[in-house]
Amino acid sequence: MGGVFLSKSYGQLVRHRENQSLFTAVELSILAAESSTPLHLHAEGLRGTGKTTILRAARQICGEIVRVSGCLYNCAPEAPHCPEHRHMGQQSLKSLGVEVIPMPFLEISHGAKVATVVGSIDLARLTRQEGPQAALLPGTLAQAHRGVVLVDEINRLVDTNPEIADVLLDVMGTKPGRLQIEEVGLPKVELPLTVTVWAASNPDEDPGPLDSIRRQLADRFDLSVGVKAPSDAQALSQILMLSQRLPGSMLGEGLPTAEERKLWRREPFTKTDGIVIPSAAIELVAKLYIERNIESVRAAEAILIAARMHCAYRGGHGVEKVDIVAGLTLALRHRVRPEVLADIVAEMNSIPLTLAKEQQKALSNVAEQAASPPNFMARLRDVFKSANPHSPGGPHVSQSSAPYHGAYRHVDIPGRVGPVHAGSGLGSVAPPLAARQLVEIPGVEQVKSQGDLLP
């Protein structure tokens, strides 16, 4: 049939409207990992949408790290953290030397044991004939320090192996995360870990969406992306050509890893350590968090980290409103209802605002105006949009509460949210108190005009 294809590379994968958000989120997460700031990413979608293929192929565009030569824990020469190197002096570390390796990219399978994920006794060193020694062998997470760990079908893993989910909670709970390795007869080892966790799941399969199984773990993911099958016939044709390895694929042959990485790192990327976050941007996110009653401070942190990476992604030097919008579309998808997210994005886009230093004063004026008492219809709308405060988990309504799982949340970047149609699987929320008849309500509690609503 002609044409020689290498294995699928990141550049070969077909981008279309329904998966573009995942490509962008992956690239932002890699930029963050290279700046030692993990952006944990969860991709949700039905089987066959290519989410896991994209995540695995992204290994080819990950950068490189410099580590103490031969260190399985990937110790940074300037900040060693492992049991073997963290107490060594600079001269001793220099004598060991350094080496450059690809950024670690490991996977936790469904057959993994807790010991293989966390760490266990090194049997090879324990059983060697000359000088046997009891020592720890680092597990998957410890060996992925300064890199990426991929967990496919994480909703199933959480259901069948909750112990590993508990470990992930510790590792993803803070930045850097924390890993504790314990074995009988050996001293306990605690490690700070900077590892980025990527996960994929199909919320339509048992045991259901991750946020309905382990809400706490779902919140640990900074970014969440919905992936759907292509709706465009031309995009699907390209995917089928690539899968059948037929000539005529628009993307041609696979690229070597080094060339792939070079192609992706084209201009206008800027170094993330030079990105400035104006105080106005932080105030804007803080105001959003308070006014919208977001349930987790991690959401606000994730918005700002993603905004910095998006700024570098587009070649900017200071975070602007467009970066905030891009960050919140990814950071809030799994934390608020779809119609609330659409409302937030629309509100952000309507603010005539840039975050340049000379216009921070203008931001303060806009914020003061936004803080003024809203009119009657606005307050009434907010009442019906707010969730039942007595329900567990605050304002978030998980996908599992929808009448069916056919309509998933999907967000495009930058700052574009898919349309929300009536009856498209949105959860309904009951009022916190039972209704009373009008005759039972004292006259002083009755609302007869807009003025009665004002404080």
Protein backbone atom coordinates (compact mmCIF):
# COMPACT_ATOMS: atom_id res chain seq x y z
CA MET A 1 0.00 0.00 0.00
CA GLY A 2 3.01 2.27 0.22
CA GLY A 3 4.14 4.61 2.95
CA VAL A 4 6.16 3.66 6.01
CA PHE A 5 4.76 4.72 9.35
CA LEU A 6 6.48 4.79 12.66
CA SER A 7 4.45 4.41 15.84
CA LYS A 8 1.96 7.19 16.49
CA SER A 9 3.60 10.37 17.66
CA TYR A 10 2.15 13.37 19.40
CA GLY A 11 2.32 15.42 16.22
CA GLN A 12 0.41 12.81 14.24
CA LEU A 13 -2.62 12.87 16.50
CA VAL A 14 -5.57 14.65 14.92
CA ARG A 15 -6.84 17.73 16.74
CA HIS A 16 -10.49 18.60 16.44
CA ARG A 17 -13.01 20.72 18.32
CA GLU A 18 -13.92 17.97 20.76
CA ASN A 19 -10.35 17.16 21.92
CA GLN A 20 -8.52 20.49 21.50
CA SER A 21 -9.06 21.33 25.17
CA LEU A 22 -7.15 18.21 26.20
CA PHE A 23 -4.18 19.03 23.97
CA THR A 24 -4.01 22.51 25.47
CA ALA A 25 -4.37 21.25 29.05
CA VAL A 26 -1.64 18.65 28.50
CA GLU A 27 0.78 21.26 27.18
CA LEU A 28 0.03 23.66 30.04
CA SER A 29 0.60 20.81 32.50
CA ILE A 30 3.97 19.98 30.93
CA LEU A 31 5.06 23.61 31.14
CA ALA A 32 4.06 23.61 34.80
CA ALA A 33 5.92 20.35 35.49
CA GLU A 34 9.09 21.83 34.00
CA SER A 35 8.78 24.78 36.38
CA SER A 36 8.36 22.40 39.35
CA THR A 37 4.69 23.32 39.83
CA PRO A 38 2.45 20.30 39.23
CA LEU A 39 -0.85 20.84 37.43
CA HIS A 40 -2.72 17.58 37.96
CA LEU A 41 -4.98 16.74 35.01
CA HIS A 42 -8.06 14.53 34.68
CA ALA A 43 -9.54 13.71 31.25
CA GLU A 44 -13.11 12.38 31.14
CA GLY A 45 -14.82 10.90 28.11
CA LEU A 46 -16.50 7.86 26.62
CA ARG A 47 -14.43 4.92 25.44
CA GLY A 48 -12.76 5.39 22.07
CA THR A 49 -12.46 9.17 22.26
CA GLY A 50 -8.66 8.99 22.29
CA LYS A 51 -8.05 10.62 25.67
CA THR A 52 -5.55 8.00 26.89
CA THR A 53 -3.80 7.95 23.51
CA ILE A 54 -3.20 11.70 23.75
CA LEU A 55 -1.92 11.46 27.33
CA ARG A 56 0.51 8.65 26.50
CA ALA A 57 1.77 10.30 23.32
CA ALA A 58 2.48 13.52 25.23
CA ARG A 59 5.47 11.74 26.77
CA GLN A 60 7.32 12.59 23.56
CA ILE A 61 7.16 16.34 24.16
CA CYS A 62 8.20 16.24 27.81
CA GLY A 63 11.53 17.87 28.48
CA GLU A 64 14.62 16.66 30.31
CA ILE A 65 15.80 16.90 33.90
CA VAL A 66 19.24 17.02 35.50
CA ARG A 67 19.66 14.64 38.42
CA VAL A 68 22.35 13.27 40.69
CA SER A 69 23.99 10.57 38.64
CA GLY A 70 22.23 7.20 39.06
CA CYS A 71 19.68 8.44 41.62
CA LEU A 72 16.47 6.43 41.34
CA TYR A 73 14.65 9.18 43.24
CA ASN A 74 15.68 11.80 40.62
CA CYS A 75 17.35 14.08 43.14
CA ALA A 76 17.97 17.59 41.86
CA PRO A 77 21.71 18.31 42.37
CA GLU A 78 20.95 21.64 44.06
CA ALA A 79 18.23 20.19 46.34
CA PRO A 80 18.70 16.44 47.00
CA HIS A 81 15.75 14.92 48.87
CA CYS A 82 16.23 11.14 48.93
CA PRO A 83 17.50 9.10 51.91
CA GLU A 84 20.85 8.51 50.22
CA HIS A 85 21.71 12.05 49.15
CA ARG A 86 19.85 14.61 51.24
CA HIS A 87 22.43 14.61 54.04
CA MET A 88 25.48 14.67 51.77
CA GLY A 89 27.68 17.74 51.52
CA GLN A 90 28.22 19.66 48.31
CA GLN A 91 31.67 18.19 47.74
CA SER A 92 30.41 14.63 48.09
CA LEU A 93 27.53 15.38 45.70
CA LYS A 94 29.95 16.86 43.17
CA SER A 95 32.00 13.70 43.27
CA LEU A 96 28.94 11.70 42.25
CA GLY A 97 28.37 13.84 39.18
CA VAL A 98 25.14 14.62 37.36
CA GLU A 99 23.32 13.26 34.34
CA VAL A 100 20.60 14.48 31.98
CA ILE A 101 17.63 12.14 31.48
CA PRO A 102 14.18 12.44 29.90
CA MET A 103 11.53 13.69 32.29
CA PRO A 104 10.18 10.61 34.13
CA PHE A 105 6.88 9.33 32.71
CA LEU A 106 5.51 6.30 34.55
CA GLU A 107 2.13 4.59 34.74
CA ILE A 108 0.16 3.02 37.58
CA SER A 109 -1.70 -0.01 36.30
CA HIS A 110 -4.77 -1.68 37.75
CA GLY A 111 -2.68 -4.66 38.78
CA ALA A 112 -0.27 -2.55 40.81
CA LYS A 113 0.27 -3.28 44.48
CA VAL A 114 0.63 -0.58 47.08
CA ALA A 115 4.25 -1.62 47.64
CA THR A 116 5.10 -1.15 43.95
CA VAL A 117 3.50 2.29 43.95
CA VAL A 118 4.92 3.52 47.26
CA GLY A 119 8.12 1.50 47.70
CA SER A 120 9.29 -1.68 49.40
CA ILE A 121 12.35 -3.65 50.48
CA ASP A 122 14.96 -4.00 47.76
CA LEU A 123 15.12 -7.80 47.46
CA ALA A 124 18.10 -7.72 45.10
CA ARG A 125 20.29 -5.95 47.67
CA LEU A 126 18.87 -8.05 50.50
CA THR A 127 19.66 -11.40 48.85
CA ARG A 128 23.00 -10.73 47.20
CA GLN A 129 25.70 -13.13 48.34
CA GLU A 130 28.35 -10.57 49.12
CA GLY A 131 27.30 -7.99 51.67
CA PRO A 132 23.51 -8.35 51.78
CA GLN A 133 21.87 -5.13 52.89
CA ALA A 134 18.34 -4.19 53.92
CA ALA A 135 17.37 -1.15 51.87
CA LEU A 136 14.33 0.45 50.30
CA LEU A 137 13.46 0.22 46.63
CA PRO A 138 11.55 3.36 45.55
CA GLY A 139 8.14 2.74 44.02
CA THR A 140 6.47 4.28 40.99
CA LEU A 141 5.65 7.60 42.65
CA ALA A 142 9.12 8.13 44.12
CA GLN A 143 10.72 7.33 40.76
CA ALA A 144 8.39 9.79 39.02
CA HIS A 145 9.67 12.75 41.08
CA ARG A 146 9.94 15.81 38.79
CA GLY A 147 7.94 13.98 36.16
CA VAL A 148 4.50 12.59 35.30
CA VAL A 149 2.47 9.61 36.51
CA LEU A 150 -0.43 8.39 34.39
CA VAL A 151 -3.42 6.51 35.83
CA ASP A 152 -5.83 5.12 33.26
CA GLU A 153 -9.46 4.44 34.26
CA ILE A 154 -8.87 6.06 37.62
CA ASN A 155 -12.53 5.72 38.63
CA ARG A 156 -12.20 1.93 38.45
CA LEU A 157 -8.85 1.95 40.25
CA VAL A 158 -10.32 3.99 43.12
CA ASP A 159 -13.15 1.46 43.45
CA THR A 160 -10.98 -1.68 43.33
CA ASN A 161 -7.84 -0.38 45.06
CA PRO A 162 -8.75 2.38 47.54
CA GLU A 163 -5.35 2.09 49.27
CA ILE A 164 -3.64 3.49 46.18
CA ALA A 165 -6.23 6.27 46.09
CA ASP A 166 -5.24 7.16 49.66
CA VAL A 167 -1.60 7.39 48.58
CA LEU A 168 -2.53 9.67 45.68
CA LEU A 169 -4.42 11.92 48.09
CA ASP A 170 -1.21 12.49 50.07
CA VAL A 171 0.95 13.01 46.99
CA MET A 172 -1.51 15.44 45.38
CA GLY A 173 -2.66 17.16 48.56
CA THR A 174 0.09 19.77 48.68
CA LYS A 175 2.77 21.15 46.39
CA PRO A 176 5.22 19.57 46.85
CA GLY A 177 3.35 16.43 47.82
CA ARG A 178 4.27 13.96 50.52
CA LEU A 179 5.12 10.26 50.33
CA GLN A 180 5.73 8.01 53.32
CA ILE A 181 7.48 4.65 52.91
CA GLU A 182 7.31 2.16 55.76
CA GLU A 183 8.72 -1.38 55.92
CA VAL A 184 9.19 -3.67 58.91
CA GLY A 185 12.73 -3.46 60.26
CA LEU A 186 13.61 -0.29 58.38
CA PRO A 187 13.31 3.33 59.48
CA LYS A 188 10.33 5.24 58.11
CA VAL A 189 11.13 7.45 55.13
CA GLU A 190 9.21 10.62 54.31
CA LEU A 191 9.79 12.21 50.94
CA PRO A 192 8.68 15.53 49.48
CA LEU A 193 7.49 14.80 45.94
CA THR A 194 6.95 17.05 42.96
CA VAL A 195 5.06 14.75 40.65
CA THR A 196 2.33 15.60 38.14
CA VAL A 197 -0.58 13.15 38.06
CA TRP A 198 -2.53 12.62 34.84
CA ALA A 199 -5.62 10.45 34.82
CA ALA A 200 -8.31 9.32 32.41
CA SER A 201 -11.74 7.87 33.08
CA ASN A 202 -15.00 6.95 31.41
CA PRO A 203 -17.80 8.26 33.64
CA ASP A 204 -20.35 6.17 31.76
CA GLU A 205 -18.87 2.88 33.00
CA ASP A 206 -19.06 1.33 36.45
CA PRO A 207 -18.52 2.48 39.10
CA GLY A 208 -19.38 5.89 37.65
CA PRO A 209 -17.77 9.36 37.57
CA LEU A 210 -14.79 9.96 39.84
CA ASP A 211 -16.45 12.90 41.61
CA SER A 212 -19.28 10.65 42.76
CA ILE A 213 -16.95 7.87 43.98
CA ARG A 214 -14.12 9.79 45.65
CA ARG A 215 -14.99 13.47 45.70
CA GLN A 216 -11.91 14.34 47.69
CA LEU A 217 -9.61 12.82 45.06
CA ALA A 218 -11.52 14.47 42.21
CA ASP A 219 -10.84 17.85 43.84
CA ARG A 220 -7.11 17.11 43.91
CA PHE A 221 -7.02 17.44 40.13
CA ASP A 222 -6.28 21.04 39.24
CA LEU A 223 -7.62 20.73 35.70
CA SER A 224 -10.46 18.68 34.26
CA VAL A 225 -11.23 18.25 30.58
CA GLY A 226 -14.16 16.60 28.82
CA VAL A 227 -13.34 14.75 25.60
CA LYS A 228 -15.87 13.70 22.98
CA ALA A 229 -15.75 11.83 19.69
CA PRO A 230 -15.23 14.06 16.62
CA SER A 231 -18.36 15.63 15.18
CA ASP A 232 -16.65 16.57 11.93
CA ALA A 233 -16.43 13.93 9.18
CA GLN A 234 -13.13 15.27 7.85
CA ALA A 235 -11.48 15.00 11.27
CA LEU A 236 -12.80 11.46 11.67
CA SER A 237 -11.46 10.54 8.22
CA GLN A 238 -7.99 11.71 9.25
CA ILE A 239 -8.17 9.65 12.43
CA LEU A 240 -9.24 6.55 10.48
CA MET A 241 -6.45 7.04 7.94
CA LEU A 242 -3.92 7.22 10.74
CA SER A 243 -5.34 4.17 12.51
CA GLN A 244 -5.23 2.12 9.31
CA ARG A 245 -1.76 3.42 8.43
CA LEU A 246 -2.91 4.38 4.96
CA PRO A 247 -1.01 6.82 2.71
CA GLY A 248 -2.65 10.19 2.34
CA SER A 249 -2.80 11.08 5.99
CA MET A 250 -2.52 14.84 6.19
CA LEU A 251 0.01 14.53 8.99
CA GLY A 252 2.43 12.21 7.21
CA GLU A 253 4.97 9.97 8.90
CA GLY A 254 5.77 9.86 12.56
CA LEU A 255 8.45 12.16 13.90
CA PRO A 256 11.39 11.16 16.08
CA THR A 257 11.01 12.14 19.70
CA ALA A 258 13.73 14.83 19.64
CA GLU A 259 12.24 16.43 16.54
CA GLU A 260 8.77 16.23 18.06
CA ARG A 261 9.90 18.07 21.16
CA LYS A 262 11.69 20.72 19.10
CA LEU A 263 8.59 21.28 16.96
CA TRP A 264 6.34 21.71 19.97
CA ARG A 265 8.72 24.15 21.67
CA ARG A 266 8.32 26.68 18.92
CA GLU A 267 7.93 30.37 19.56
CA PRO A 268 6.18 32.22 21.12
CA PHE A 269 6.68 30.24 24.35
CA THR A 270 8.31 32.22 27.15
CA LYS A 271 9.95 31.01 30.33
CA THR A 272 7.41 30.52 33.07
CA ASP A 273 9.69 31.85 35.81
CA GLY A 274 9.52 35.27 34.16
CA ILE A 275 5.73 35.45 34.13
CA VAL A 276 4.29 38.17 36.36
CA ILE A 277 0.92 37.75 38.06
CA PRO A 278 -0.43 41.23 38.86
CA SER A 279 -2.08 41.66 42.22
CA ALA A 280 -5.21 42.66 40.30
CA ALA A 281 -5.39 39.16 38.81
CA ILE A 282 -5.12 37.57 42.25
CA GLU A 283 -7.82 39.89 43.60
CA LEU A 284 -10.07 39.03 40.66
CA VAL A 285 -9.73 35.28 41.30
CA ALA A 286 -10.23 35.76 45.04
CA LYS A 287 -13.40 37.75 44.39
CA LEU A 288 -14.64 35.03 42.04
CA TYR A 289 -13.97 32.36 44.68
CA ILE A 290 -15.88 34.22 47.40
CA GLU A 291 -18.83 35.42 45.34
CA ARG A 292 -19.40 32.10 43.59
CA ASN A 293 -18.96 30.05 46.76
CA ILE A 294 -16.40 27.72 45.18
CA GLU A 295 -15.95 24.78 47.53
CA SER A 296 -12.16 24.39 47.37
CA VAL A 297 -9.30 26.89 47.66
CA ARG A 298 -7.39 24.54 45.34
CA ALA A 299 -9.64 25.83 42.56
CA ALA A 300 -8.36 29.39 43.00
CA GLU A 301 -4.76 28.18 43.15
CA ALA A 302 -5.25 26.07 40.03
CA ILE A 303 -6.73 29.02 38.11
CA LEU A 304 -3.67 31.16 38.81
CA ILE A 305 -1.14 28.41 38.01
CA ALA A 306 -2.95 27.56 34.77
CA ALA A 307 -3.14 31.26 33.91
CA ARG A 308 0.64 31.61 34.29
CA MET A 309 1.22 28.61 32.05
CA HIS A 310 -1.28 29.88 29.49
CA CYS A 311 0.53 33.22 29.46
CA ALA A 312 3.80 31.44 28.67
CA TYR A 313 1.95 29.27 26.14
CA ARG A 314 0.87 32.32 24.13
CA GLY A 315 4.23 34.08 24.55
CA GLY A 316 3.11 36.76 26.99
CA HIS A 317 5.06 38.24 29.88
CA GLY A 318 2.29 39.14 32.31
CA VAL A 319 -0.99 37.43 33.12
CA GLU A 320 -3.96 39.03 31.38
CA LYS A 321 -7.70 38.46 31.51
CA VAL A 322 -7.50 36.00 28.61
CA ASP A 323 -5.18 33.82 30.70
CA ILE A 324 -7.52 33.93 33.70
CA VAL A 325 -10.45 32.88 31.51
CA ALA A 326 -8.44 30.02 30.01
CA GLY A 327 -7.39 28.89 33.49
CA LEU A 328 -10.84 28.96 35.03
CA THR A 329 -12.46 27.01 32.18
CA LEU A 330 -10.13 24.12 33.01
CA ALA A 331 -10.01 24.51 36.77
CA LEU A 332 -13.75 24.87 37.41
CA ARG A 333 -15.22 22.30 35.05
CA HIS A 334 -15.37 19.61 37.75
CA ARG A 335 -16.12 22.00 40.59
CA VAL A 336 -19.22 23.90 39.47
CA ARG A 337 -22.29 23.11 37.41
CA PRO A 338 -22.05 23.70 33.64
CA GLU A 339 -24.49 26.61 33.59
CA VAL A 340 -22.60 28.30 36.44
CA LEU A 341 -19.31 27.95 34.56
CA ALA A 342 -20.90 29.38 31.42
CA ASP A 343 -22.19 32.30 33.48
CA ILE A 344 -18.75 32.92 35.02
CA VAL A 345 -17.02 32.90 31.65
CA ALA A 346 -19.62 35.24 30.16
CA GLU A 347 -19.23 37.59 33.12
CA MET A 348 -15.44 37.58 32.82
CA ASN A 349 -15.55 38.23 29.10
CA SER A 350 -17.92 41.14 29.61
CA ILE A 351 -15.53 43.02 31.92
CA PRO A 352 -13.67 45.63 29.81
CA LEU A 353 -10.44 44.96 31.61
CA THR A 354 -6.76 44.26 31.14
CA LEU A 355 -4.45 43.42 34.01
CA ALA A 356 -1.53 45.59 33.03
CA LYS A 357 0.01 47.50 35.93
CA GLU A 358 -1.14 50.87 34.68
CA GLN A 359 -4.75 49.66 34.62
CA GLN A 360 -4.93 48.01 38.04
CA LYS A 361 -6.70 51.10 39.35
CA ALA A 362 -9.41 50.58 36.75
CA LEU A 363 -9.81 47.02 38.03
CA SER A 364 -10.46 48.28 41.55
CA ASN A 365 -13.21 50.54 40.26
CA VAL A 366 -14.82 47.67 38.36
CA ALA A 367 -14.63 45.44 41.43
CA GLU A 368 -16.28 48.13 43.60
CA GLN A 369 -19.10 48.52 41.12
CA ALA A 370 -19.56 44.75 40.96
CA ALA A 371 -19.76 44.66 44.77
CA SER A 372 -22.69 47.09 44.87
CA PRO A 373 -26.13 45.63 45.75
CA PRO A 374 -27.56 43.87 42.67
CA ASN A 375 -31.04 44.59 41.40
CA PHE A 376 -34.09 42.50 42.22
CA MET A 377 -33.92 40.24 39.13
CA ALA A 378 -30.20 39.55 39.58
CA ARG A 379 -30.73 38.49 43.19
CA LEU A 380 -33.67 36.34 42.23
CA ARG A 381 -31.59 34.64 39.52
CA ASP A 382 -28.79 33.92 41.98
CA VAL A 383 -31.27 32.33 44.41
CA PHE A 384 -32.38 29.83 41.80
CA LYS A 385 -28.79 29.14 40.64
CA SER A 386 -27.36 28.50 44.10
CA ALA A 387 -27.26 24.92 45.35
CA ASN A 388 -28.89 23.50 48.43
CA PRO A 389 -26.55 24.48 51.30
CA HIS A 390 -27.69 21.45 53.28
CA SER A 391 -26.58 18.99 50.61
CA PRO A 392 -23.12 17.41 50.99
CA GLY A 393 -20.37 19.04 49.00
CA GLY A 394 -21.79 22.55 48.73
CA PRO A 395 -22.65 24.05 45.36
CA HIS A 396 -21.22 21.32 43.14
CA VAL A 397 -23.55 18.85 41.45
CA SER A 398 -21.75 15.78 40.12
CA GLN A 399 -22.42 14.23 36.75
CA SER A 400 -23.84 11.17 38.46
CA SER A 401 -26.85 13.20 39.56
CA ALA A 402 -27.87 13.81 35.96
CA PRO A 403 -30.81 11.84 34.55
CA TYR A 404 -28.47 10.21 32.05
CA HIS A 405 -24.77 10.26 31.20
CA GLY A 406 -25.17 11.15 27.53
CA ALA A 407 -24.43 14.87 27.89
CA TYR A 408 -21.04 15.51 29.46
CA ARG A 409 -19.53 18.78 30.48
CA HIS A 410 -17.21 20.08 27.81
CA VAL A 411 -15.14 23.25 27.78
CA ASP A 412 -13.15 24.71 24.91
CA ILE A 413 -10.10 26.92 25.28
CA PRO A 414 -9.72 29.81 25.42
CA GLY A 415 -12.72 30.96 27.35
CA ARG A 416 -15.40 29.22 25.34
CA VAL A 417 -17.97 27.00 26.93
CA GLY A 418 -20.17 24.65 24.95
CA PRO A 419 -23.85 25.54 24.82
CA VAL A 420 -26.05 24.32 27.65
CA HIS A 421 -29.37 23.01 26.41
CA ALA A 422 -32.49 22.54 28.49
CA GLY A 423 -32.76 18.99 29.74
CA SER A 424 -29.15 18.17 28.85
CA GLY A 425 -28.48 16.18 31.98
CA LEU A 426 -28.22 19.06 34.43
CA GLY A 427 -28.87 18.15 38.05
CA SER A 428 -31.82 19.65 39.86
CA VAL A 429 -31.47 21.05 43.37
CA ALA A 430 -34.18 21.03 46.03
CA PRO A 431 -34.77 24.07 48.27
CA PRO A 432 -33.33 23.75 51.79
CA LEU A 433 -36.73 24.15 53.50
CA ALA A 434 -40.24 22.93 52.77
CA ALA A 435 -42.62 25.50 51.25
CA ARG A 436 -45.21 27.19 53.47
CA GLN A 437 -48.65 28.36 52.53
CA LEU A 438 -49.03 32.09 52.06
CA VAL A 439 -51.44 32.40 55.00
CA GLU A 440 -48.78 30.88 57.29
CA ILE A 441 -46.21 33.62 56.52
CA PRO A 442 -46.33 36.60 58.91
CA GLY A 443 -46.78 39.96 57.24
CA VAL A 444 -43.32 41.13 58.31
CA GLU A 445 -41.70 38.26 56.37
CA GLN A 446 -43.61 38.85 53.13
CA VAL A 447 -41.75 40.43 50.19
CA LYS A 448 -43.96 43.00 48.52
CA SER A 449 -41.39 45.18 46.74
CA GLN A 450 -37.73 45.28 45.73
CA GLY A 451 -36.98 47.40 48.77
CA ASP A 452 -37.96 44.51 51.06
CA LEU A 453 -34.99 42.52 49.68
CA LEU A 454 -32.37 45.13 50.42
CA PRO A 455 -30.44 44.75 53.67
